[in-house]
PDB file of N, CA and C in Angstrom:
ATOM      1  N   MET A   1     -11.243  22.747  -7.133  1.00  0.00           N
ATOM      2  CA  MET A   1      -9.998  22.031  -7.025  1.00  0.00           C
ATOM      3  C   MET A   1      -9.303  22.032  -8.389  1.00  0.00           C
ATOM      4  N   ARG A   2      -8.028  22.262  -8.377  1.00  0.00           N
ATOM      5  CA  ARG A   2      -7.284  22.265  -9.631  1.00  0.00           C
ATOM      6  C   ARG A   2      -7.240  20.871 -10.226  1.00  0.00           C
ATOM      7  N   GLU A   3      -7.273  20.784 -11.532  1.00  0.00           N
ATOM      8  CA  GLU A   3      -7.284  19.501 -12.243  1.00  0.00           C
ATOM      9  C   GLU A   3      -6.058  18.658 -11.919  1.00  0.00           C
ATOM     10  N   ASP A   4      -4.869  19.306 -11.781  1.00  0.00           N
ATOM     11  CA  ASP A   4      -3.658  18.533 -11.549  1.00  0.00           C
ATOM     12  C   ASP A   4      -3.587  17.947 -10.144  1.00  0.00           C
ATOM     13  N   THR A   5      -4.354  18.469  -9.186  1.00  0.00           N
ATOM     14  CA  THR A   5      -4.350  17.911  -7.834  1.00  0.00           C
ATOM     15  C   THR A   5      -5.564  17.028  -7.568  1.00  0.00           C
ATOM     16  N   LYS A   6      -6.589  17.128  -8.402  1.00  0.00           N
ATOM     17  CA  LYS A   6      -7.818  16.357  -8.185  1.00  0.00           C
ATOM     18  C   LYS A   6      -7.552  14.857  -8.209  1.00  0.00           C
ATOM     19  N   ASP A   7      -6.698  14.403  -9.115  1.00  0.00           N
ATOM     20  CA  ASP A   7      -6.420  12.975  -9.256  1.00  0.00           C
ATOM     21  C   ASP A   7      -5.103  12.557  -8.609  1.00  0.00           C
ATOM     22  N   ALA A   8      -4.463  13.455  -7.872  1.00  0.00           N
ATOM     23  CA  ALA A   8      -3.194  13.141  -7.221  1.00  0.00           C
ATOM     24  C   ALA A   8      -3.407  12.097  -6.127  1.00  0.00           C
ATOM     25  N   LEU A   9      -2.372  11.354  -5.835  1.00  0.00           N
ATOM     26  CA  LEU A   9      -2.415  10.345  -4.784  1.00  0.00           C
ATOM     27  C   LEU A   9      -2.706  11.003  -3.438  1.00  0.00           C
ATOM     28  N   LYS A  10      -3.686  10.449  -2.722  1.00  0.00           N
ATOM     29  CA  LYS A  10      -4.003  10.968  -1.389  1.00  0.00           C
ATOM     30  C   LYS A  10      -4.592   9.856  -0.530  1.00  0.00           C
ATOM     31  N   ILE A  11      -4.412   9.982   0.762  1.00  0.00           N
ATOM     32  CA  ILE A  11      -5.016   9.055   1.716  1.00  0.00           C
ATOM     33  C   ILE A  11      -6.452   9.484   1.914  1.00  0.00           C
ATOM     34  N   THR A  12      -7.373   8.548   1.735  1.00  0.00           N
ATOM     35  CA  THR A  12      -8.787   8.862   1.892  1.00  0.00           C
ATOM     36  C   THR A  12      -9.363   8.336   3.199  1.00  0.00           C
ATOM     37  N   ASN A  13      -8.692   7.351   3.812  1.00  0.00           N
ATOM     38  CA  ASN A  13      -9.194   6.783   5.058  1.00  0.00           C
ATOM     39  C   ASN A  13      -8.052   6.039   5.739  1.00  0.00           C
ATOM     40  N   GLN A  14      -8.089   5.988   7.059  1.00  0.00           N
ATOM     41  CA  GLN A  14      -7.133   5.194   7.813  1.00  0.00           C
ATOM     42  C   GLN A  14      -7.790   4.737   9.108  1.00  0.00           C
ATOM     43  N   TYR A  15      -7.506   3.505   9.499  1.00  0.00           N
ATOM     44  CA  TYR A  15      -8.069   2.993  10.745  1.00  0.00           C
ATOM     45  C   TYR A  15      -7.330   1.746  11.182  1.00  0.00           C
ATOM     46  N   ARG A  16      -7.517   1.403  12.448  1.00  0.00           N
ATOM     47  CA  ARG A  16      -6.912   0.207  13.016  1.00  0.00           C
ATOM     48  C   ARG A  16      -7.810  -0.981  12.683  1.00  0.00           C
ATOM     49  N   GLY A  17      -7.208  -2.065  12.189  1.00  0.00           N
ATOM     50  CA  GLY A  17      -7.970  -3.261  11.855  1.00  0.00           C
ATOM     51  C   GLY A  17      -7.065  -4.411  11.493  1.00  0.00           C
ATOM     52  N   LYS A  18      -7.564  -5.633  11.568  1.00  0.00           N
ATOM     53  CA  LYS A  18      -6.837  -6.846  11.197  1.00  0.00           C
ATOM     54  C   LYS A  18      -5.449  -6.925  11.834  1.00  0.00           C
ATOM     55  N   GLY A  19      -5.324  -6.504  13.072  1.00  0.00           N
ATOM     56  CA  GLY A  19      -4.058  -6.612  13.776  1.00  0.00           C
ATOM     57  C   GLY A  19      -3.038  -5.551  13.435  1.00  0.00           C
ATOM     58  N   GLY A  20      -3.435  -4.540  12.665  1.00  0.00           N
ATOM     59  CA  GLY A  20      -2.504  -3.483  12.290  1.00  0.00           C
ATOM     60  C   GLY A  20      -3.260  -2.241  11.857  1.00  0.00           C
ATOM     61  N   MET A  21      -2.591  -1.434  11.074  1.00  0.00           N
ATOM     62  CA  MET A  21      -3.206  -0.203  10.560  1.00  0.00           C
ATOM     63  C   MET A  21      -3.511  -0.367   9.085  1.00  0.00           C
ATOM     64  N   GLU A  22      -4.681   0.102   8.701  1.00  0.00           N
ATOM     65  CA  GLU A  22      -5.110   0.021   7.315  1.00  0.00           C
ATOM     66  C   GLU A  22      -5.244   1.437   6.768  1.00  0.00           C
ATOM     67  N   TYR A  23      -4.699   1.621   5.566  1.00  0.00           N
ATOM     68  CA  TYR A  23      -4.719   2.928   4.906  1.00  0.00           C
ATOM     69  C   TYR A  23      -5.327   2.756   3.531  1.00  0.00           C
ATOM     70  N   TRP A  24      -6.282   3.624   3.206  1.00  0.00           N
ATOM     71  CA  TRP A  24      -6.888   3.640   1.877  1.00  0.00           C
ATOM     72  C   TRP A  24      -6.378   4.874   1.162  1.00  0.00           C
ATOM     73  N   LEU A  25      -5.798   4.662  -0.006  1.00  0.00           N
ATOM     74  CA  LEU A  25      -5.318   5.764  -0.831  1.00  0.00           C
ATOM     75  C   LEU A  25      -6.077   5.728  -2.139  1.00  0.00           C
ATOM     76  N   LYS A  26      -6.081   6.857  -2.835  1.00  0.00           N
ATOM     77  CA  LYS A  26      -6.752   6.923  -4.125  1.00  0.00           C
ATOM     78  C   LYS A  26      -5.897   7.761  -5.059  1.00  0.00           C
ATOM     79  N   CYS A  27      -5.782   7.288  -6.294  1.00  0.00           N
ATOM     80  CA  CYS A  27      -5.037   8.017  -7.314  1.00  0.00           C
ATOM     81  C   CYS A  27      -5.672   7.734  -8.667  1.00  0.00           C
ATOM     82  N   GLU A  28      -6.096   8.801  -9.341  1.00  0.00           N
ATOM     83  CA  GLU A  28      -6.706   8.686 -10.664  1.00  0.00           C
ATOM     84  C   GLU A  28      -7.846   7.672 -10.689  1.00  0.00           C
ATOM     85  N   GLY A  29      -8.660   7.689  -9.645  1.00  0.00           N
ATOM     86  CA  GLY A  29      -9.835   6.827  -9.580  1.00  0.00           C
ATOM     87  C   GLY A  29      -9.572   5.397  -9.144  1.00  0.00           C
ATOM     88  N   VAL A  30      -8.314   5.052  -8.882  1.00  0.00           N
ATOM     89  CA  VAL A  30      -7.975   3.695  -8.454  1.00  0.00           C
ATOM     90  C   VAL A  30      -7.690   3.719  -6.954  1.00  0.00           C
ATOM     91  N   HIS A  31      -8.320   2.802  -6.232  1.00  0.00           N
ATOM     92  CA  HIS A  31      -8.129   2.687  -4.794  1.00  0.00           C
ATOM     93  C   HIS A  31      -6.964   1.753  -4.509  1.00  0.00           C
ATOM     94  N   LEU A  32      -6.160   2.118  -3.532  1.00  0.00           N
ATOM     95  CA  LEU A  32      -5.051   1.292  -3.071  1.00  0.00           C
ATOM     96  C   LEU A  32      -5.206   1.132  -1.575  1.00  0.00           C
ATOM     97  N   ARG A  33      -5.315  -0.119  -1.132  1.00  0.00           N
ATOM     98  CA  ARG A  33      -5.433  -0.413   0.295  1.00  0.00           C
ATOM     99  C   ARG A  33      -4.094  -0.940   0.767  1.00  0.00           C
ATOM    100  N   ILE A  34      -3.554  -0.338   1.812  1.00  0.00           N
ATOM    101  CA  ILE A  34      -2.290  -0.762   2.399  1.00  0.00           C
ATOM    102  C   ILE A  34      -2.577  -1.194   3.829  1.00  0.00           C
ATOM    103  N   LEU A  35      -2.183  -2.410   4.163  1.00  0.00           N
ATOM    104  CA  LEU A  35      -2.323  -2.927   5.519  1.00  0.00           C
ATOM    105  C   LEU A  35      -0.918  -3.144   6.073  1.00  0.00           C
ATOM    106  N   VAL A  36      -0.626  -2.539   7.221  1.00  0.00           N
ATOM    107  CA  VAL A  36       0.690  -2.638   7.852  1.00  0.00           C
ATOM    108  C   VAL A  36       0.517  -3.353   9.188  1.00  0.00           C
ATOM    109  N   THR A  37       1.174  -4.501   9.338  1.00  0.00           N
ATOM    110  CA  THR A  37       1.043  -5.280  10.569  1.00  0.00           C
ATOM    111  C   THR A  37       2.424  -5.701  11.077  1.00  0.00           C
ATOM    112  N   PRO A  38       2.566  -5.797  12.392  1.00  0.00           N
ATOM    113  CA  PRO A  38       3.827  -6.260  12.958  1.00  0.00           C
ATOM    114  C   PRO A  38       3.898  -7.788  12.980  1.00  0.00           C
ATOM    115  N   ARG A  39       5.069  -8.294  13.212  1.00  0.00           N
ATOM    116  CA  ARG A  39       5.292  -9.739  13.384  1.00  0.00           C
ATOM    117  C   ARG A  39       4.388 -10.242  14.506  1.00  0.00           C
ATOM    118  N   THR A  40       3.798 -11.409  14.298  1.00  0.00           N
ATOM    119  CA  THR A  40       2.943 -11.974  15.340  1.00  0.00           C
ATOM    120  C   THR A  40       3.483 -13.279  15.915  1.00  0.00           C
ATOM    121  N   ASN A  41       4.446 -13.893  15.216  1.00  0.00           N
ATOM    122  CA  ASN A  41       5.053 -15.118  15.751  1.00  0.00           C
ATOM    123  C   ASN A  41       6.448 -15.308  15.150  1.00  0.00           C
ATOM    124  N   ASP A  42       7.185 -16.262  15.693  1.00  0.00           N
ATOM    125  CA  ASP A  42       8.571 -16.491  15.261  1.00  0.00           C
ATOM    126  C   ASP A  42       8.686 -17.014  13.837  1.00  0.00           C
ATOM    127  N   LEU A  43       7.612 -17.515  13.267  1.00  0.00           N
ATOM    128  CA  LEU A  43       7.650 -18.046  11.905  1.00  0.00           C
ATOM    129  C   LEU A  43       7.466 -16.968  10.839  1.00  0.00           C
ATOM    130  N   ASP A  44       7.060 -15.760  11.248  1.00  0.00           N
ATOM    131  CA  ASP A  44       6.902 -14.667  10.290  1.00  0.00           C
ATOM    132  C   ASP A  44       8.246 -14.347   9.648  1.00  0.00           C
ATOM    133  N   ALA A  45       8.208 -13.934   8.391  1.00  0.00           N
ATOM    134  CA  ALA A  45       9.431 -13.744   7.602  1.00  0.00           C
ATOM    135  C   ALA A  45      10.159 -12.435   7.887  1.00  0.00           C
ATOM    136  N   GLY A  46       9.638 -11.586   8.731  1.00  0.00           N
ATOM    137  CA  GLY A  46      10.275 -10.318   9.055  1.00  0.00           C
ATOM    138  C   GLY A  46       9.579  -9.659  10.218  1.00  0.00           C
ATOM    139  N   GLU A  47      10.027  -8.458  10.551  1.00  0.00           N
ATOM    140  CA  GLU A  47       9.424  -7.719  11.664  1.00  0.00           C
ATOM    141  C   GLU A  47       8.109  -7.048  11.276  1.00  0.00           C
ATOM    142  N   TRP A  48       8.004  -6.644   9.990  1.00  0.00           N
ATOM    143  CA  TRP A  48       6.818  -5.929   9.520  1.00  0.00           C
ATOM    144  C   TRP A  48       6.285  -6.534   8.233  1.00  0.00           C
ATOM    145  N   HIS A  49       4.983  -6.542   8.107  1.00  0.00           N
ATOM    146  CA  HIS A  49       4.295  -7.084   6.941  1.00  0.00           C
ATOM    147  C   HIS A  49       3.475  -5.968   6.314  1.00  0.00           C
ATOM    148  N   VAL A  50       3.593  -5.809   4.999  1.00  0.00           N
ATOM    149  CA  VAL A  50       2.778  -4.840   4.273  1.00  0.00           C
ATOM    150  C   VAL A  50       2.044  -5.577   3.169  1.00  0.00           C
ATOM    151  N   GLU A  51       0.740  -5.355   3.111  1.00  0.00           N
ATOM    152  CA  GLU A  51      -0.104  -5.947   2.087  1.00  0.00           C
ATOM    153  C   GLU A  51      -0.728  -4.805   1.294  1.00  0.00           C
ATOM    154  N   ALA A  52      -0.694  -4.908  -0.025  1.00  0.00           N
ATOM    155  CA  ALA A  52      -1.276  -3.882  -0.894  1.00  0.00           C
ATOM    156  C   ALA A  52      -2.297  -4.527  -1.813  1.00  0.00           C
ATOM    157  N   ARG A  53      -3.402  -3.825  -1.995  1.00  0.00           N
ATOM    158  CA  ARG A  53      -4.470  -4.303  -2.877  1.00  0.00           C
ATOM    159  C   ARG A  53      -5.059  -3.104  -3.596  1.00  0.00           C
ATOM    160  N   ALA A  54      -5.319  -3.250  -4.889  1.00  0.00           N
ATOM    161  CA  ALA A  54      -5.861  -2.122  -5.648  1.00  0.00           C
ATOM    162  C   ALA A  54      -7.023  -2.552  -6.510  1.00  0.00           C
ATOM    163  N   GLY A  55      -7.864  -1.586  -6.812  1.00  0.00           N
ATOM    164  CA  GLY A  55      -8.996  -1.796  -7.699  1.00  0.00           C
ATOM    165  C   GLY A  55      -9.811  -0.525  -7.777  1.00  0.00           C
ATOM    166  N   ARG A  56     -10.718  -0.442  -8.700  1.00  0.00           N
ATOM    167  CA  ARG A  56     -11.569   0.747  -8.813  1.00  0.00           C
ATOM    168  C   ARG A  56     -12.660   0.735  -7.749  1.00  0.00           C
ATOM    169  N   THR A  57     -12.942  -0.441  -7.182  1.00  0.00           N
ATOM    170  CA  THR A  57     -13.853  -0.531  -6.039  1.00  0.00           C
ATOM    171  C   THR A  57     -13.145  -1.319  -4.951  1.00  0.00           C
ATOM    172  N   SER A  58     -13.671  -1.293  -3.757  1.00  0.00           N
ATOM    173  CA  SER A  58     -13.030  -1.998  -2.648  1.00  0.00           C
ATOM    174  C   SER A  58     -13.176  -3.511  -2.758  1.00  0.00           C
ATOM    175  N   ASP A  59     -14.044  -4.003  -3.628  1.00  0.00           N
ATOM    176  CA  ASP A  59     -14.284  -5.439  -3.740  1.00  0.00           C
ATOM    177  C   ASP A  59     -13.421  -6.136  -4.782  1.00  0.00           C
ATOM    178  N   GLU A  60     -12.777  -5.390  -5.641  1.00  0.00           N
ATOM    179  CA  GLU A  60     -11.979  -6.015  -6.682  1.00  0.00           C
ATOM    180  C   GLU A  60     -10.512  -5.787  -6.408  1.00  0.00           C
ATOM    181  N   GLY A  61      -9.678  -6.475  -7.126  1.00  0.00           N
ATOM    182  CA  GLY A  61      -8.259  -6.181  -7.012  1.00  0.00           C
ATOM    183  C   GLY A  61      -7.393  -7.401  -6.878  1.00  0.00           C
ATOM    184  N   PHE A  62      -6.130  -7.130  -6.812  1.00  0.00           N
ATOM    185  CA  PHE A  62      -5.082  -8.126  -6.712  1.00  0.00           C
ATOM    186  C   PHE A  62      -4.245  -7.756  -5.499  1.00  0.00           C
ATOM    187  N   THR A  63      -3.817  -8.727  -4.722  1.00  0.00           N
ATOM    188  CA  THR A  63      -3.078  -8.456  -3.495  1.00  0.00           C
ATOM    189  C   THR A  63      -1.630  -8.892  -3.620  1.00  0.00           C
ATOM    190  N   ILE A  64      -0.739  -8.046  -3.155  1.00  0.00           N
ATOM    191  CA  ILE A  64       0.685  -8.372  -3.044  1.00  0.00           C
ATOM    192  C   ILE A  64       1.083  -8.091  -1.614  1.00  0.00           C
ATOM    193  N   ASP A  65       1.829  -8.999  -1.013  1.00  0.00           N
ATOM    194  CA  ASP A  65       2.288  -8.755   0.347  1.00  0.00           C
ATOM    195  C   ASP A  65       3.750  -9.159   0.474  1.00  0.00           C
ATOM    196  N   GLU A  66       4.459  -8.449   1.335  1.00  0.00           N
ATOM    197  CA  GLU A  66       5.883  -8.665   1.561  1.00  0.00           C
ATOM    198  C   GLU A  66       6.222  -8.377   3.020  1.00  0.00           C
ATOM    199  N   TRP A  67       7.357  -8.920   3.445  1.00  0.00           N
ATOM    200  CA  TRP A  67       7.883  -8.701   4.785  1.00  0.00           C
ATOM    201  C   TRP A  67       9.156  -7.865   4.705  1.00  0.00           C
ATOM    202  N   GLY A  68       9.481  -7.184   5.799  1.00  0.00           N
ATOM    203  CA  GLY A  68      10.715  -6.434   5.878  1.00  0.00           C
ATOM    204  C   GLY A  68      11.128  -6.222   7.323  1.00  0.00           C
ATOM    205  N   ALA A  69      12.371  -5.825   7.501  1.00  0.00           N
ATOM    206  CA  ALA A  69      12.882  -5.549   8.844  1.00  0.00           C
ATOM    207  C   ALA A  69      12.237  -4.290   9.425  1.00  0.00           C
ATOM    208  N   THR A  70      11.818  -3.377   8.537  1.00  0.00           N
ATOM    209  CA  THR A  70      11.122  -2.156   8.956  1.00  0.00           C
ATOM    210  C   THR A  70       9.868  -1.996   8.097  1.00  0.00           C
ATOM    211  N   ARG A  71       9.001  -1.100   8.495  1.00  0.00           N
ATOM    212  CA  ARG A  71       7.804  -0.829   7.690  1.00  0.00           C
ATOM    213  C   ARG A  71       8.185  -0.281   6.325  1.00  0.00           C
ATOM    214  N   VAL A  72       9.202   0.568   6.298  1.00  0.00           N
ATOM    215  CA  VAL A  72       9.665   1.138   5.024  1.00  0.00           C
ATOM    216  C   VAL A  72      10.187   0.041   4.108  1.00  0.00           C
ATOM    217  N   GLU A  73      11.024  -0.861   4.637  1.00  0.00           N
ATOM    218  CA  GLU A  73      11.563  -1.947   3.815  1.00  0.00           C
ATOM    219  C   GLU A  73      10.466  -2.867   3.293  1.00  0.00           C
ATOM    220  N   ALA A  74       9.459  -3.137   4.107  1.00  0.00           N
ATOM    221  CA  ALA A  74       8.347  -3.979   3.662  1.00  0.00           C
ATOM    222  C   ALA A  74       7.563  -3.287   2.551  1.00  0.00           C
ATOM    223  N   LEU A  75       7.326  -1.975   2.685  1.00  0.00           N
ATOM    224  CA  LEU A  75       6.621  -1.233   1.637  1.00  0.00           C
ATOM    225  C   LEU A  75       7.454  -1.183   0.361  1.00  0.00           C
ATOM    226  N   GLN A  76       8.754  -0.987   0.483  1.00  0.00           N
ATOM    227  CA  GLN A  76       9.624  -0.971  -0.699  1.00  0.00           C
ATOM    228  C   GLN A  76       9.574  -2.321  -1.417  1.00  0.00           C
ATOM    229  N   ALA A  77       9.555  -3.415  -0.653  1.00  0.00           N
ATOM    230  CA  ALA A  77       9.466  -4.752  -1.254  1.00  0.00           C
ATOM    231  C   ALA A  77       8.134  -4.930  -1.975  1.00  0.00           C
ATOM    232  N   VAL A  78       7.051  -4.426  -1.391  1.00  0.00           N
ATOM    233  CA  VAL A  78       5.745  -4.481  -2.049  1.00  0.00           C
ATOM    234  C   VAL A  78       5.797  -3.691  -3.355  1.00  0.00           C
ATOM    235  N   GLY A  79       6.379  -2.510  -3.316  1.00  0.00           N
ATOM    236  CA  GLY A  79       6.491  -1.681  -4.523  1.00  0.00           C
ATOM    237  C   GLY A  79       7.256  -2.384  -5.637  1.00  0.00           C
ATOM    238  N   ARG A  80       8.358  -3.037  -5.284  1.00  0.00           N
ATOM    239  CA  ARG A  80       9.139  -3.782  -6.290  1.00  0.00           C
ATOM    240  C   ARG A  80       8.326  -4.940  -6.867  1.00  0.00           C
ATOM    241  N   SER A  81       7.664  -5.697  -5.996  1.00  0.00           N
ATOM    242  CA  SER A  81       6.847  -6.828  -6.459  1.00  0.00           C
ATOM    243  C   SER A  81       5.696  -6.351  -7.317  1.00  0.00           C
ATOM    244  N   TRP A  82       5.070  -5.258  -6.894  1.00  0.00           N
ATOM    245  CA  TRP A  82       3.937  -4.693  -7.629  1.00  0.00           C
ATOM    246  C   TRP A  82       4.375  -4.283  -9.024  1.00  0.00           C
ATOM    247  N   THR A  83       5.478  -3.541  -9.090  1.00  0.00           N
ATOM    248  CA  THR A  83       5.967  -3.037 -10.369  1.00  0.00           C
ATOM    249  C   THR A  83       6.350  -4.178 -11.303  1.00  0.00           C
ATOM    250  N   SER A  84       6.982  -5.219 -10.762  1.00  0.00           N
ATOM    251  CA  SER A  84       7.388  -6.339 -11.619  1.00  0.00           C
ATOM    252  C   SER A  84       6.204  -7.187 -12.063  1.00  0.00           C
ATOM    253  N   SER A  85       5.088  -7.145 -11.326  1.00  0.00           N
ATOM    254  CA  SER A  85       3.897  -7.936 -11.679  1.00  0.00           C
ATOM    255  C   SER A  85       2.856  -7.145 -12.455  1.00  0.00           C
ATOM    256  N   ALA A  86       2.994  -5.839 -12.503  1.00  0.00           N
ATOM    257  CA  ALA A  86       1.943  -4.963 -13.021  1.00  0.00           C
ATOM    258  C   ALA A  86       1.477  -5.326 -14.415  1.00  0.00           C
ATOM    259  N   GLU A  87       2.377  -5.449 -15.343  1.00  0.00           N
ATOM    260  CA  GLU A  87       1.970  -5.714 -16.722  1.00  0.00           C
ATOM    261  C   GLU A  87       1.393  -7.120 -16.880  1.00  0.00           C
ATOM    262  N   ARG A  88       2.021  -8.087 -16.223  1.00  0.00           N
ATOM    263  CA  ARG A  88       1.601  -9.482 -16.340  1.00  0.00           C
ATOM    264  C   ARG A  88       0.173  -9.718 -15.845  1.00  0.00           C
ATOM    265  N   VAL A  89      -0.191  -9.074 -14.730  1.00  0.00           N
ATOM    266  CA  VAL A  89      -1.520  -9.310 -14.157  1.00  0.00           C
ATOM    267  C   VAL A  89      -2.456  -8.115 -14.294  1.00  0.00           C
ATOM    268  N   GLY A  90      -2.019  -7.073 -14.988  1.00  0.00           N
ATOM    269  CA  GLY A  90      -2.878  -5.926 -15.255  1.00  0.00           C
ATOM    270  C   GLY A  90      -3.111  -5.010 -14.072  1.00  0.00           C
ATOM    271  N   LEU A  91      -2.081  -4.815 -13.249  1.00  0.00           N
ATOM    272  CA  LEU A  91      -2.209  -3.927 -12.094  1.00  0.00           C
ATOM    273  C   LEU A  91      -2.079  -2.470 -12.500  1.00  0.00           C
ATOM    274  N   ALA A  92      -2.788  -1.618 -11.801  1.00  0.00           N
ATOM    275  CA  ALA A  92      -2.612  -0.174 -11.979  1.00  0.00           C
ATOM    276  C   ALA A  92      -1.225   0.191 -11.481  1.00  0.00           C
ATOM    277  N   MET A  93      -0.587   1.122 -12.153  1.00  0.00           N
ATOM    278  CA  MET A  93       0.739   1.560 -11.736  1.00  0.00           C
ATOM    279  C   MET A  93       0.602   2.664 -10.688  1.00  0.00           C
ATOM    280  N   PHE A  94       1.444   2.593  -9.686  1.00  0.00           N
ATOM    281  CA  PHE A  94       1.492   3.609  -8.642  1.00  0.00           C
ATOM    282  C   PHE A  94       2.919   4.102  -8.512  1.00  0.00           C
ATOM    283  N   ASP A  95       3.042   5.341  -8.087  1.00  0.00           N
ATOM    284  CA  ASP A  95       4.335   5.912  -7.749  1.00  0.00           C
ATOM    285  C   ASP A  95       4.589   5.518  -6.292  1.00  0.00           C
ATOM    286  N   TRP A  96       5.395   4.486  -6.087  1.00  0.00           N
ATOM    287  CA  TRP A  96       5.585   3.948  -4.745  1.00  0.00           C
ATOM    288  C   TRP A  96       6.339   4.907  -3.839  1.00  0.00           C
ATOM    289  N   GLU A  97       7.132   5.811  -4.407  1.00  0.00           N
ATOM    290  CA  GLU A  97       7.771   6.852  -3.595  1.00  0.00           C
ATOM    291  C   GLU A  97       6.708   7.821  -3.074  1.00  0.00           C
ATOM    292  N   ALA A  98       5.709   8.131  -3.897  1.00  0.00           N
ATOM    293  CA  ALA A  98       4.604   8.997  -3.463  1.00  0.00           C
ATOM    294  C   ALA A  98       3.758   8.293  -2.402  1.00  0.00           C
ATOM    295  N   VAL A  99       3.572   6.977  -2.556  1.00  0.00           N
ATOM    296  CA  VAL A  99       2.838   6.204  -1.541  1.00  0.00           C
ATOM    297  C   VAL A  99       3.595   6.272  -0.218  1.00  0.00           C
ATOM    298  N   ALA A 100       4.905   6.054  -0.258  1.00  0.00           N
ATOM    299  CA  ALA A 100       5.722   6.118   0.957  1.00  0.00           C
ATOM    300  C   ALA A 100       5.651   7.503   1.593  1.00  0.00           C
ATOM    301  N   LYS A 101       5.719   8.546   0.786  1.00  0.00           N
ATOM    302  CA  LYS A 101       5.656   9.921   1.299  1.00  0.00           C
ATOM    303  C   LYS A 101       4.313  10.175   1.976  1.00  0.00           C
ATOM    304  N   ALA A 102       3.222   9.754   1.343  1.00  0.00           N
ATOM    305  CA  ALA A 102       1.894   9.950   1.935  1.00  0.00           C
ATOM    306  C   ALA A 102       1.788   9.213   3.271  1.00  0.00           C
ATOM    307  N   LEU A 103       2.340   8.005   3.325  1.00  0.00           N
ATOM    308  CA  LEU A 103       2.286   7.236   4.570  1.00  0.00           C
ATOM    309  C   LEU A 103       3.216   7.828   5.629  1.00  0.00           C
ATOM    310  N   GLN A 104       4.359   8.354   5.221  1.00  0.00           N
ATOM    311  CA  GLN A 104       5.247   9.015   6.176  1.00  0.00           C
ATOM    312  C   GLN A 104       4.594  10.272   6.734  1.00  0.00           C
ATOM    313  N   ASP A 105       3.825  10.972   5.916  1.00  0.00           N
ATOM    314  CA  ASP A 105       3.152  12.200   6.371  1.00  0.00           C
ATOM    315  C   ASP A 105       2.164  11.949   7.498  1.00  0.00           C
ATOM    316  N   VAL A 106       1.617  10.726   7.565  1.00  0.00           N
ATOM    317  CA  VAL A 106       0.684  10.388   8.653  1.00  0.00           C
ATOM    318  C   VAL A 106       1.346   9.474   9.683  1.00  0.00           C
ATOM    319  N   ARG A 107       2.675   9.409   9.616  1.00  0.00           N
ATOM    320  CA  ARG A 107       3.494   8.618  10.562  1.00  0.00           C
ATOM    321  C   ARG A 107       3.186   7.142  10.528  1.00  0.00           C
ATOM    322  N   ALA A 108       2.821   6.651   9.357  1.00  0.00           N
ATOM    323  CA  ALA A 108       2.568   5.219   9.199  1.00  0.00           C
ATOM    324  C   ALA A 108       3.867   4.454   8.989  1.00  0.00           C
ATOM    325  N   LEU A 109       4.895   5.157   8.514  1.00  0.00           N
ATOM    326  CA  LEU A 109       6.200   4.529   8.260  1.00  0.00           C
ATOM    327  C   LEU A 109       7.249   5.143   9.162  1.00  0.00           C
TER     328      LEU A 109
END
């Protein structure tokens, strides 16, 4: 495998769970878990909920979650929140456009 693609962002696992779809991505040794769930009641803040969690192992990490009218809008909101919180809480940086592209490639968005 070429060095420049070995650490590139890629989906490593996907499955149905917790009322939605869960996607595991990996980039440069850091795992990113994305959970996409639909609205479950009238009190939910939007039609779609996206939760993101990252860490070098599946047991560690920090979680950010956001709502949106669409799955794409919810993911974009997570990306904005993640980027604005990254330095303050020590989050790994991700290319959220690349995350969206990877999820679109598997029809998650």
